[in-house]
All heavy atoms as atom14 arrays in JSON, in Angstrom:
{
  "sequence": "NDGYAVAYGDDPWTARLDARVRDLFGGGALAFPVLNGTGANVVSLTAL",
  "atom14_mask": [
    [1, 1, 1, 1, 1, 1, 1, 1, 0, 0, 0, 0, 0, 0],
    [1, 1, 1, 1, 1, 1, 1, 1, 0, 0, 0, 0, 0, 0],
    [1, 1, 1, 1, 0, 0, 0, 0, 0, 0, 0, 0, 0, 0],
    [1, 1, 1, 1, 1, 1, 1, 1, 1, 1, 1, 1, 0, 0],
    [1, 1, 1, 1, 1, 0, 0, 0, 0, 0, 0, 0, 0, 0],
    [1, 1, 1, 1, 1, 1, 1, 0, 0, 0, 0, 0, 0, 0],
    [1, 1, 1, 1, 1, 0, 0, 0, 0, 0, 0, 0, 0, 0],
    [1, 1, 1, 1, 1, 1, 1, 1, 1, 1, 1, 1, 0, 0],
    [1, 1, 1, 1, 0, 0, 0, 0, 0, 0, 0, 0, 0, 0],
    [1, 1, 1, 1, 1, 1, 1, 1, 0, 0, 0, 0, 0, 0],
    [1, 1, 1, 1, 1, 1, 1, 1, 0, 0, 0, 0, 0, 0],
    [1, 1, 1, 1, 1, 1, 1, 0, 0, 0, 0, 0, 0, 0],
    [1, 1, 1, 1, 1, 1, 1, 1, 1, 1, 1, 1, 1, 1],
    [1, 1, 1, 1, 1, 1, 1, 0, 0, 0, 0, 0, 0, 0],
    [1, 1, 1, 1, 1, 0, 0, 0, 0, 0, 0, 0, 0, 0],
    [1, 1, 1, 1, 1, 1, 1, 1, 1, 1, 1, 0, 0, 0],
    [1, 1, 1, 1, 1, 1, 1, 1, 0, 0, 0, 0, 0, 0],
    [1, 1, 1, 1, 1, 1, 1, 1, 0, 0, 0, 0, 0, 0],
    [1, 1, 1, 1, 1, 0, 0, 0, 0, 0, 0, 0, 0, 0],
    [1, 1, 1, 1, 1, 1, 1, 1, 1, 1, 1, 0, 0, 0],
    [1, 1, 1, 1, 1, 1, 1, 0, 0, 0, 0, 0, 0, 0],
    [1, 1, 1, 1, 1, 1, 1, 1, 1, 1, 1, 0, 0, 0],
    [1, 1, 1, 1, 1, 1, 1, 1, 0, 0, 0, 0, 0, 0],
    [1, 1, 1, 1, 1, 1, 1, 1, 0, 0, 0, 0, 0, 0],
    [1, 1, 1, 1, 1, 1, 1, 1, 1, 1, 1, 0, 0, 0],
    [1, 1, 1, 1, 0, 0, 0, 0, 0, 0, 0, 0, 0, 0],
    [1, 1, 1, 1, 0, 0, 0, 0, 0, 0, 0, 0, 0, 0],
    [1, 1, 1, 1, 0, 0, 0, 0, 0, 0, 0, 0, 0, 0],
    [1, 1, 1, 1, 1, 0, 0, 0, 0, 0, 0, 0, 0, 0],
    [1, 1, 1, 1, 1, 1, 1, 1, 0, 0, 0, 0, 0, 0],
    [1, 1, 1, 1, 1, 0, 0, 0, 0, 0, 0, 0, 0, 0],
    [1, 1, 1, 1, 1, 1, 1, 1, 1, 1, 1, 0, 0, 0],
    [1, 1, 1, 1, 1, 1, 1, 0, 0, 0, 0, 0, 0, 0],
    [1, 1, 1, 1, 1, 1, 1, 0, 0, 0, 0, 0, 0, 0],
    [1, 1, 1, 1, 1, 1, 1, 1, 0, 0, 0, 0, 0, 0],
    [1, 1, 1, 1, 1, 1, 1, 1, 0, 0, 0, 0, 0, 0],
    [1, 1, 1, 1, 0, 0, 0, 0, 0, 0, 0, 0, 0, 0],
    [1, 1, 1, 1, 1, 1, 1, 0, 0, 0, 0, 0, 0, 0],
    [1, 1, 1, 1, 0, 0, 0, 0, 0, 0, 0, 0, 0, 0],
    [1, 1, 1, 1, 1, 0, 0, 0, 0, 0, 0, 0, 0, 0],
    [1, 1, 1, 1, 1, 1, 1, 1, 0, 0, 0, 0, 0, 0],
    [1, 1, 1, 1, 1, 1, 1, 0, 0, 0, 0, 0, 0, 0],
    [1, 1, 1, 1, 1, 1, 1, 0, 0, 0, 0, 0, 0, 0],
    [1, 1, 1, 1, 1, 1, 0, 0, 0, 0, 0, 0, 0, 0],
    [1, 1, 1, 1, 1, 1, 1, 1, 0, 0, 0, 0, 0, 0],
    [1, 1, 1, 1, 1, 1, 1, 0, 0, 0, 0, 0, 0, 0],
    [1, 1, 1, 1, 1, 0, 0, 0, 0, 0, 0, 0, 0, 0],
    [1, 1, 1, 1, 1, 1, 1, 1, 0, 0, 0, 0, 0, 0]
  ],
  "atom14_positions": [
    [[0.84, -1.2, 0.0], [0.0, 0.0, 0.0], [0.88, 1.25, 0.0], [0.8, 2.11, 0.85], [-0.92, -0.03, 1.22], [-2.03, 1.0, 1.13], [-2.59, 1.21, 0.07], [-2.35, 1.64, 2.25], [0.0, 0.0, 0.0], [0.0, 0.0, 0.0], [0.0, 0.0, 0.0], [0.0, 0.0, 0.0], [0.0, 0.0, 0.0], [0.0, 0.0, 0.0]],
    [[1.73, 1.33, -1.0], [2.76, 2.36, -1.06], [2.58, 3.16, -2.34], [3.12, 2.82, -3.4], [4.15, 1.71, -1.01], [5.27, 2.73, -1.04], [5.01, 3.91, -0.74], [6.4, 2.33, -1.38], [0.0, 0.0, 0.0], [0.0, 0.0, 0.0], [0.0, 0.0, 0.0], [0.0, 0.0, 0.0], [0.0, 0.0, 0.0], [0.0, 0.0, 0.0]],
    [[1.8, 4.19, -2.26], [1.61, 5.07, -3.41], [0.79, 4.42, -4.5], [-0.02, 3.52, -4.27], [0.0, 0.0, 0.0], [0.0, 0.0, 0.0], [0.0, 0.0, 0.0], [0.0, 0.0, 0.0], [0.0, 0.0, 0.0], [0.0, 0.0, 0.0], [0.0, 0.0, 0.0], [0.0, 0.0, 0.0], [0.0, 0.0, 0.0], [0.0, 0.0, 0.0]],
    [[1.02, 4.88, -5.72], [0.26, 4.44, -6.88], [0.96, 3.27, -7.56], [2.19, 3.16, -7.54], [0.08, 5.59, -7.87], [-0.93, 6.62, -7.42], [-0.6, 7.56, -6.46], [-2.21, 6.64, -7.95], [-1.52, 8.52, -6.04], [-3.15, 7.58, -7.54], [-2.8, 8.52, -6.59], [-3.71, 9.45, -6.16], [0.0, 0.0, 0.0], [0.0, 0.0, 0.0]],
    [[0.14, 2.39, -8.17], [0.68, 1.29, -8.98], [-0.31, 1.02, -10.1], [-1.53, 1.17, -9.92], [0.88, 0.03, -8.13], [0.0, 0.0, 0.0], [0.0, 0.0, 0.0], [0.0, 0.0, 0.0], [0.0, 0.0, 0.0], [0.0, 0.0, 0.0], [0.0, 0.0, 0.0], [0.0, 0.0, 0.0], [0.0, 0.0, 0.0], [0.0, 0.0, 0.0]],
    [[0.2, 0.62, -11.24], [-0.67, 0.33, -12.38], [-1.65, -0.77, -12.0], [-1.31, -1.73, -11.31], [0.16, -0.09, -13.6], [-0.75, -0.39, -14.79], [1.15, 1.01, -13.96], [0.0, 0.0, 0.0], [0.0, 0.0, 0.0], [0.0, 0.0, 0.0], [0.0, 0.0, 0.0], [0.0, 0.0, 0.0], [0.0, 0.0, 0.0], [0.0, 0.0, 0.0]],
    [[-2.9, -0.63, -12.44], [-3.97, -1.55, -12.05], [-3.95, -2.82, -12.91], [-3.21, -2.94, -13.89], [-5.32, -0.86, -12.19], [0.0, 0.0, 0.0], [0.0, 0.0, 0.0], [0.0, 0.0, 0.0], [0.0, 0.0, 0.0], [0.0, 0.0, 0.0], [0.0, 0.0, 0.0], [0.0, 0.0, 0.0], [0.0, 0.0, 0.0], [0.0, 0.0, 0.0]],
    [[-4.77, -3.78, -12.47], [-5.06, -5.02, -13.22], [-3.84, -5.9, -13.43], [-3.75, -6.62, -14.42], [-5.75, -4.7, -14.54], [-7.06, -3.96, -14.35], [-7.18, -2.63, -14.72], [-8.15, -4.59, -13.76], [-8.37, -1.93, -14.52], [-9.35, -3.9, -13.54], [-9.45, -2.58, -13.92], [-10.62, -1.9, -13.7], [0.0, 0.0, 0.0], [0.0, 0.0, 0.0]],
    [[-2.88, -5.84, -12.51], [-1.79, -6.79, -12.54], [-0.51, -6.33, -13.2], [0.49, -7.05, -13.17], [0.0, 0.0, 0.0], [0.0, 0.0, 0.0], [0.0, 0.0, 0.0], [0.0, 0.0, 0.0], [0.0, 0.0, 0.0], [0.0, 0.0, 0.0], [0.0, 0.0, 0.0], [0.0, 0.0, 0.0], [0.0, 0.0, 0.0], [0.0, 0.0, 0.0]],
    [[-0.51, -5.12, -13.74], [0.72, -4.61, -14.37], [1.49, -3.8, -13.34], [1.76, -2.61, -13.51], [0.38, -3.78, -15.59], [1.6, -3.47, -16.45], [2.66, -4.1, -16.21], [1.5, -2.6, -17.33], [0.0, 0.0, 0.0], [0.0, 0.0, 0.0], [0.0, 0.0, 0.0], [0.0, 0.0, 0.0], [0.0, 0.0, 0.0], [0.0, 0.0, 0.0]],
    [[1.85, -4.46, -12.24], [2.47, -3.79, -11.1], [3.7, -4.59, -10.65], [3.85, -5.76, -11.01], [1.47, -3.67, -9.95], [0.99, -5.04, -9.48], [1.71, -5.68, -8.69], [-0.1, -5.47, -9.91], [0.0, 0.0, 0.0], [0.0, 0.0, 0.0], [0.0, 0.0, 0.0], [0.0, 0.0, 0.0], [0.0, 0.0, 0.0], [0.0, 0.0, 0.0]],
    [[4.58, -4.0, -9.87], [5.81, -4.7, -9.46], [5.57, -5.95, -8.62], [6.34, -6.91, -8.72], [6.57, -3.63, -8.66], [6.04, -2.33, -9.14], [4.61, -2.58, -9.47], [0.0, 0.0, 0.0], [0.0, 0.0, 0.0], [0.0, 0.0, 0.0], [0.0, 0.0, 0.0], [0.0, 0.0, 0.0], [0.0, 0.0, 0.0], [0.0, 0.0, 0.0]],
    [[4.54, -5.96, -7.78], [4.3, -7.11, -6.93], [3.87, -8.33, -7.76], [4.33, -9.44, -7.52], [3.23, -6.78, -5.88], [3.68, -5.76, -4.9], [4.29, -5.98, -3.7], [3.61, -4.34, -5.05], [4.59, -4.79, -3.08], [4.18, -3.76, -3.89], [3.11, -3.5, -6.04], [4.26, -2.38, -3.7], [3.19, -2.12, -5.85], [3.76, -1.59, -4.69]],
    [[3.02, -8.09, -8.75], [2.6, -9.19, -9.61], [3.75, -9.67, -10.48], [3.88, -10.87, -10.76], [1.39, -8.77, -10.47], [0.34, -8.32, -9.6], [0.87, -9.93, -11.3], [0.0, 0.0, 0.0], [0.0, 0.0, 0.0], [0.0, 0.0, 0.0], [0.0, 0.0, 0.0], [0.0, 0.0, 0.0], [0.0, 0.0, 0.0], [0.0, 0.0, 0.0]],
    [[4.6, -8.76, -10.91], [5.8, -9.17, -11.67], [6.71, -10.05, -10.81], [7.25, -11.05, -11.29], [6.54, -7.94, -12.16], [0.0, 0.0, 0.0], [0.0, 0.0, 0.0], [0.0, 0.0, 0.0], [0.0, 0.0, 0.0], [0.0, 0.0, 0.0], [0.0, 0.0, 0.0], [0.0, 0.0, 0.0], [0.0, 0.0, 0.0], [0.0, 0.0, 0.0]],
    [[6.86, -9.68, -9.53], [7.68, -10.51, -8.65], [7.02, -11.85, -8.38], [7.71, -12.88, -8.25], [7.95, -9.77, -7.33], [8.85, -8.58, -7.49], [9.56, -8.23, -6.18], [8.62, -7.86, -5.13], [8.19, -6.62, -4.92], [8.58, -5.63, -5.71], [7.37, -6.37, -3.93], [0.0, 0.0, 0.0], [0.0, 0.0, 0.0], [0.0, 0.0, 0.0]],
    [[5.68, -11.87, -8.31], [4.98, -13.14, -8.14], [5.21, -14.04, -9.35], [5.46, -15.25, -9.19], [3.49, -12.89, -7.95], [2.61, -14.16, -7.87], [2.98, -15.01, -6.66], [1.13, -13.77, -7.84], [0.0, 0.0, 0.0], [0.0, 0.0, 0.0], [0.0, 0.0, 0.0], [0.0, 0.0, 0.0], [0.0, 0.0, 0.0], [0.0, 0.0, 0.0]],
    [[5.16, -13.48, -10.55], [5.44, -14.27, -11.75], [6.82, -14.91, -11.66], [7.0, -16.1, -11.96], [5.38, -13.38, -13.0], [3.95, -13.04, -13.42], [3.04, -13.81, -13.06], [3.76, -12.01, -14.09], [0.0, 0.0, 0.0], [0.0, 0.0, 0.0], [0.0, 0.0, 0.0], [0.0, 0.0, 0.0], [0.0, 0.0, 0.0], [0.0, 0.0, 0.0]],
    [[7.8, -14.12, -11.24], [9.16, -14.64, -11.15], [9.27, -15.73, -10.09], [9.95, -16.75, -10.29], [10.13, -13.5, -10.84], [0.0, 0.0, 0.0], [0.0, 0.0, 0.0], [0.0, 0.0, 0.0], [0.0, 0.0, 0.0], [0.0, 0.0, 0.0], [0.0, 0.0, 0.0], [0.0, 0.0, 0.0], [0.0, 0.0, 0.0], [0.0, 0.0, 0.0]],
    [[8.61, -15.52, -8.95], [8.68, -16.52, -7.88], [7.99, -17.81, -8.3], [8.47, -18.92, -8.0], [8.03, -15.97, -6.61], [8.15, -16.89, -5.4], [9.58, -17.09, -5.02], [9.73, -17.96, -3.86], [10.66, -18.9, -3.74], [11.53, -19.11, -4.72], [10.73, -19.63, -2.66], [0.0, 0.0, 0.0], [0.0, 0.0, 0.0], [0.0, 0.0, 0.0]],
    [[6.89, -17.71, -9.01], [6.19, -18.91, -9.49], [7.06, -19.66, -10.49], [7.1, -20.9, -10.47], [4.82, -18.51, -10.09], [4.26, -19.63, -10.96], [3.84, -18.17, -8.97], [0.0, 0.0, 0.0], [0.0, 0.0, 0.0], [0.0, 0.0, 0.0], [0.0, 0.0, 0.0], [0.0, 0.0, 0.0], [0.0, 0.0, 0.0], [0.0, 0.0, 0.0]],
    [[7.78, -18.95, -11.33], [8.69, -19.63, -12.25], [9.8, -20.35, -11.49], [10.21, -21.46, -11.86], [9.27, -18.64, -13.26], [8.26, -18.14, -14.28], [8.93, -17.4, -15.42], [9.56, -16.16, -14.99], [8.93, -14.99, -14.94], [7.66, -14.9, -15.28], [9.58, -13.89, -14.55], [0.0, 0.0, 0.0], [0.0, 0.0, 0.0], [0.0, 0.0, 0.0]],
    [[10.28, -19.73, -10.41], [11.3, -20.4, -9.58], [10.77, -21.7, -9.0], [11.48, -22.72, -8.97], [11.71, -19.49, -8.41], [12.55, -18.3, -8.84], [13.11, -18.36, -9.95], [12.63, -17.33, -8.06], [0.0, 0.0, 0.0], [0.0, 0.0, 0.0], [0.0, 0.0, 0.0], [0.0, 0.0, 0.0], [0.0, 0.0, 0.0], [0.0, 0.0, 0.0]],
    [[9.53, -21.69, -8.53], [8.99, -22.82, -7.78], [8.36, -23.89, -8.67], [8.38, -25.07, -8.32], [7.94, -22.33, -6.78], [8.46, -21.5, -5.61], [7.3, -20.93, -4.81], [9.37, -22.33, -4.72], [0.0, 0.0, 0.0], [0.0, 0.0, 0.0], [0.0, 0.0, 0.0], [0.0, 0.0, 0.0], [0.0, 0.0, 0.0], [0.0, 0.0, 0.0]],
    [[7.78, -23.49, -9.8], [6.99, -24.42, -10.6], [7.56, -24.68, -11.99], [7.01, -25.49, -12.73], [5.55, -23.9, -10.73], [4.79, -23.88, -9.45], [4.82, -22.77, -8.63], [4.05, -24.98, -9.05], [4.11, -22.74, -7.43], [3.33, -24.97, -7.86], [3.37, -23.84, -7.05], [0.0, 0.0, 0.0], [0.0, 0.0, 0.0], [0.0, 0.0, 0.0]],
    [[8.65, -24.01, -12.37], [9.23, -24.23, -13.68], [9.25, -22.96, -14.51], [8.41, -22.06, -14.36], [0.0, 0.0, 0.0], [0.0, 0.0, 0.0], [0.0, 0.0, 0.0], [0.0, 0.0, 0.0], [0.0, 0.0, 0.0], [0.0, 0.0, 0.0], [0.0, 0.0, 0.0], [0.0, 0.0, 0.0], [0.0, 0.0, 0.0], [0.0, 0.0, 0.0]],
    [[10.22, -22.91, -15.43], [10.48, -21.69, -16.16], [9.35, -21.15, -16.99], [9.28, -19.95, -17.24], [0.0, 0.0, 0.0], [0.0, 0.0, 0.0], [0.0, 0.0, 0.0], [0.0, 0.0, 0.0], [0.0, 0.0, 0.0], [0.0, 0.0, 0.0], [0.0, 0.0, 0.0], [0.0, 0.0, 0.0], [0.0, 0.0, 0.0], [0.0, 0.0, 0.0]],
    [[8.43, -22.01, -17.44], [7.34, -21.53, -18.28], [6.05, -21.3, -17.53], [5.03, -20.96, -18.15], [0.0, 0.0, 0.0], [0.0, 0.0, 0.0], [0.0, 0.0, 0.0], [0.0, 0.0, 0.0], [0.0, 0.0, 0.0], [0.0, 0.0, 0.0], [0.0, 0.0, 0.0], [0.0, 0.0, 0.0], [0.0, 0.0, 0.0], [0.0, 0.0, 0.0]],
    [[6.05, -21.44, -16.21], [4.81, -21.3, -15.44], [4.35, -19.86, -15.41], [5.16, -18.92, -15.35], [5.02, -21.83, -14.03], [0.0, 0.0, 0.0], [0.0, 0.0, 0.0], [0.0, 0.0, 0.0], [0.0, 0.0, 0.0], [0.0, 0.0, 0.0], [0.0, 0.0, 0.0], [0.0, 0.0, 0.0], [0.0, 0.0, 0.0], [0.0, 0.0, 0.0]],
    [[3.03, -19.68, -15.42], [2.42, -18.36, -15.37], [1.45, -18.29, -14.2], [0.72, -19.25, -13.93], [1.67, -18.06, -16.67], [2.5, -18.02, -17.95], [1.59, -17.91, -19.17], [3.48, -16.86, -17.91], [0.0, 0.0, 0.0], [0.0, 0.0, 0.0], [0.0, 0.0, 0.0], [0.0, 0.0, 0.0], [0.0, 0.0, 0.0], [0.0, 0.0, 0.0]],
    [[1.42, -17.15, -13.52], [0.52, -16.94, -12.38], [-0.51, -15.87, -12.72], [-0.15, -14.8, -13.22], [1.31, -16.52, -11.15], [0.0, 0.0, 0.0], [0.0, 0.0, 0.0], [0.0, 0.0, 0.0], [0.0, 0.0, 0.0], [0.0, 0.0, 0.0], [0.0, 0.0, 0.0], [0.0, 0.0, 0.0], [0.0, 0.0, 0.0], [0.0, 0.0, 0.0]],
    [[-1.77, -16.17, -12.42], [-2.86, -15.23, -12.64], [-3.63, -15.09, -11.33], [-4.48, -15.93, -11.01], [-3.79, -15.72, -13.75], [-3.12, -15.9, -15.09], [-2.59, -17.14, -15.45], [-3.01, -14.84, -15.97], [-1.97, -17.31, -16.69], [-2.38, -15.0, -17.21], [-1.87, -16.25, -17.56], [0.0, 0.0, 0.0], [0.0, 0.0, 0.0], [0.0, 0.0, 0.0]],
    [[-3.36, -14.05, -10.55], [-4.1, -13.88, -9.29], [-5.59, -13.68, -9.54], [-6.0, -13.01, -10.5], [-3.48, -12.61, -8.7], [-2.13, -12.52, -9.33], [-2.31, -13.05, -10.72], [0.0, 0.0, 0.0], [0.0, 0.0, 0.0], [0.0, 0.0, 0.0], [0.0, 0.0, 0.0], [0.0, 0.0, 0.0], [0.0, 0.0, 0.0], [0.0, 0.0, 0.0]],
    [[-6.39, -14.29, -8.67], [-7.85, -14.16, -8.73], [-8.36, -13.87, -7.32], [-7.59, -13.8, -6.37], [-8.51, -15.43, -9.31], [-8.12, -15.63, -10.76], [-8.16, -16.66, -8.48], [0.0, 0.0, 0.0], [0.0, 0.0, 0.0], [0.0, 0.0, 0.0], [0.0, 0.0, 0.0], [0.0, 0.0, 0.0], [0.0, 0.0, 0.0], [0.0, 0.0, 0.0]],
    [[-9.68, -13.75, -7.2], [-10.25, -13.28, -5.94], [-10.61, -14.39, -4.97], [-10.63, -14.16, -3.76], [-11.5, -12.43, -6.23], [-11.21, -11.11, -6.96], [-12.5, -10.46, -7.41], [-10.41, -10.18, -6.07], [0.0, 0.0, 0.0], [0.0, 0.0, 0.0], [0.0, 0.0, 0.0], [0.0, 0.0, 0.0], [0.0, 0.0, 0.0], [0.0, 0.0, 0.0]],
    [[-10.92, -15.59, -5.45], [-11.32, -16.66, -4.54], [-11.15, -18.02, -5.2], [-10.87, -18.11, -6.4], [-12.77, -16.47, -4.05], [-13.76, -16.33, -5.19], [-13.81, -17.16, -6.09], [-14.54, -15.26, -5.18], [0.0, 0.0, 0.0], [0.0, 0.0, 0.0], [0.0, 0.0, 0.0], [0.0, 0.0, 0.0], [0.0, 0.0, 0.0], [0.0, 0.0, 0.0]],
    [[-11.32, -19.07, -4.39], [-11.07, -20.42, -4.87], [-12.06, -20.89, -5.91], [-11.69, -21.58, -6.87], [0.0, 0.0, 0.0], [0.0, 0.0, 0.0], [0.0, 0.0, 0.0], [0.0, 0.0, 0.0], [0.0, 0.0, 0.0], [0.0, 0.0, 0.0], [0.0, 0.0, 0.0], [0.0, 0.0, 0.0], [0.0, 0.0, 0.0], [0.0, 0.0, 0.0]],
    [[-13.34, -20.57, -5.73], [-14.33, -20.95, -6.73], [-14.0, -20.3, -8.07], [-14.07, -20.95, -9.13], [-15.74, -20.56, -6.27], [-16.08, -21.3, -5.1], [-16.78, -20.84, -7.35], [0.0, 0.0, 0.0], [0.0, 0.0, 0.0], [0.0, 0.0, 0.0], [0.0, 0.0, 0.0], [0.0, 0.0, 0.0], [0.0, 0.0, 0.0], [0.0, 0.0, 0.0]],
    [[-13.63, -19.04, -8.04], [-13.24, -18.36, -9.27], [-12.03, -19.01, -9.91], [-11.98, -19.18, -11.14], [0.0, 0.0, 0.0], [0.0, 0.0, 0.0], [0.0, 0.0, 0.0], [0.0, 0.0, 0.0], [0.0, 0.0, 0.0], [0.0, 0.0, 0.0], [0.0, 0.0, 0.0], [0.0, 0.0, 0.0], [0.0, 0.0, 0.0], [0.0, 0.0, 0.0]],
    [[-11.05, -19.38, -9.1], [-9.86, -20.05, -9.64], [-10.23, -21.35, -10.33], [-9.72, -21.67, -11.41], [-8.85, -20.32, -8.52], [0.0, 0.0, 0.0], [0.0, 0.0, 0.0], [0.0, 0.0, 0.0], [0.0, 0.0, 0.0], [0.0, 0.0, 0.0], [0.0, 0.0, 0.0], [0.0, 0.0, 0.0], [0.0, 0.0, 0.0], [0.0, 0.0, 0.0]],
    [[-11.14, -22.11, -9.72], [-11.55, -23.38, -10.32], [-12.33, -23.18, -11.61], [-12.09, -23.87, -12.61], [-12.39, -24.18, -9.32], [-11.57, -24.76, -8.2], [-10.37, -24.98, -8.33], [-12.21, -25.03, -7.07], [0.0, 0.0, 0.0], [0.0, 0.0, 0.0], [0.0, 0.0, 0.0], [0.0, 0.0, 0.0], [0.0, 0.0, 0.0], [0.0, 0.0, 0.0]],
    [[-13.25, -22.23, -11.61], [-14.05, -21.98, -12.81], [-13.16, -21.5, -13.96], [-13.28, -21.98, -15.1], [-15.18, -20.98, -12.52], [-15.85, -20.53, -13.82], [-16.2, -21.59, -11.58], [0.0, 0.0, 0.0], [0.0, 0.0, 0.0], [0.0, 0.0, 0.0], [0.0, 0.0, 0.0], [0.0, 0.0, 0.0], [0.0, 0.0, 0.0], [0.0, 0.0, 0.0]],
    [[-12.27, -20.57, -13.68], [-11.37, -20.07, -14.73], [-10.49, -21.2, -15.25], [-10.32, -21.37, -16.47], [-10.52, -18.9, -14.19], [-9.41, -18.55, -15.18], [-11.4, -17.69, -13.93], [0.0, 0.0, 0.0], [0.0, 0.0, 0.0], [0.0, 0.0, 0.0], [0.0, 0.0, 0.0], [0.0, 0.0, 0.0], [0.0, 0.0, 0.0], [0.0, 0.0, 0.0]],
    [[-9.93, -21.99, -14.34], [-9.03, -23.08, -14.75], [-9.75, -24.09, -15.63], [-9.26, -24.47, -16.7], [-8.48, -23.78, -13.51], [-7.7, -22.91, -12.72], [0.0, 0.0, 0.0], [0.0, 0.0, 0.0], [0.0, 0.0, 0.0], [0.0, 0.0, 0.0], [0.0, 0.0, 0.0], [0.0, 0.0, 0.0], [0.0, 0.0, 0.0], [0.0, 0.0, 0.0]],
    [[-10.89, -24.57, -15.17], [-11.59, -25.63, -15.89], [-12.12, -25.14, -17.23], [-12.1, -25.87, -18.23], [-12.73, -26.18, -15.03], [-12.3, -26.87, -13.73], [-13.52, -27.29, -12.91], [-11.41, -28.08, -14.02], [0.0, 0.0, 0.0], [0.0, 0.0, 0.0], [0.0, 0.0, 0.0], [0.0, 0.0, 0.0], [0.0, 0.0, 0.0], [0.0, 0.0, 0.0]],
    [[-12.6, -23.9, -17.27], [-13.11, -23.35, -18.53], [-11.98, -23.17, -19.53], [-12.15, -23.41, -20.74], [-13.82, -22.02, -18.27], [-14.8, -22.18, -17.25], [-14.51, -21.52, -19.53], [0.0, 0.0, 0.0], [0.0, 0.0, 0.0], [0.0, 0.0, 0.0], [0.0, 0.0, 0.0], [0.0, 0.0, 0.0], [0.0, 0.0, 0.0], [0.0, 0.0, 0.0]],
    [[-10.8, -22.78, -19.04], [-9.66, -22.59, -19.93], [-9.18, -23.9, -20.54], [-8.61, -23.91, -21.64], [-8.51, -21.92, -19.18], [0.0, 0.0, 0.0], [0.0, 0.0, 0.0], [0.0, 0.0, 0.0], [0.0, 0.0, 0.0], [0.0, 0.0, 0.0], [0.0, 0.0, 0.0], [0.0, 0.0, 0.0], [0.0, 0.0, 0.0], [0.0, 0.0, 0.0]],
    [[-9.39, -25.01, -19.84], [-8.89, -26.31, -20.3], [-9.91, -27.1, -21.12], [-9.55, -28.12, -21.71], [-8.49, -27.16, -19.09], [-7.21, -26.73, -18.36], [-7.07, -27.52, -17.07], [-5.99, -26.92, -19.24], [0.0, 0.0, 0.0], [0.0, 0.0, 0.0], [0.0, 0.0, 0.0], [0.0, 0.0, 0.0], [0.0, 0.0, 0.0], [0.0, 0.0, 0.0]]
  ]
}
C-alpha cells in the first residue's frame, strides 16, 4: 500500500509473483491472481 501502482496486474508485486512462481513451478509457469477459490476453479476448468 505504497503510493500508486498500475492496475489489473501490471504492477511490481505481480511481476515478482510471476518470477517466484517460475522459480517454484518451472520456467514456463504463469501466475494469474484471482479473488477466490471458486473463481480459480471456474477459470481453470473453462480454460482447459
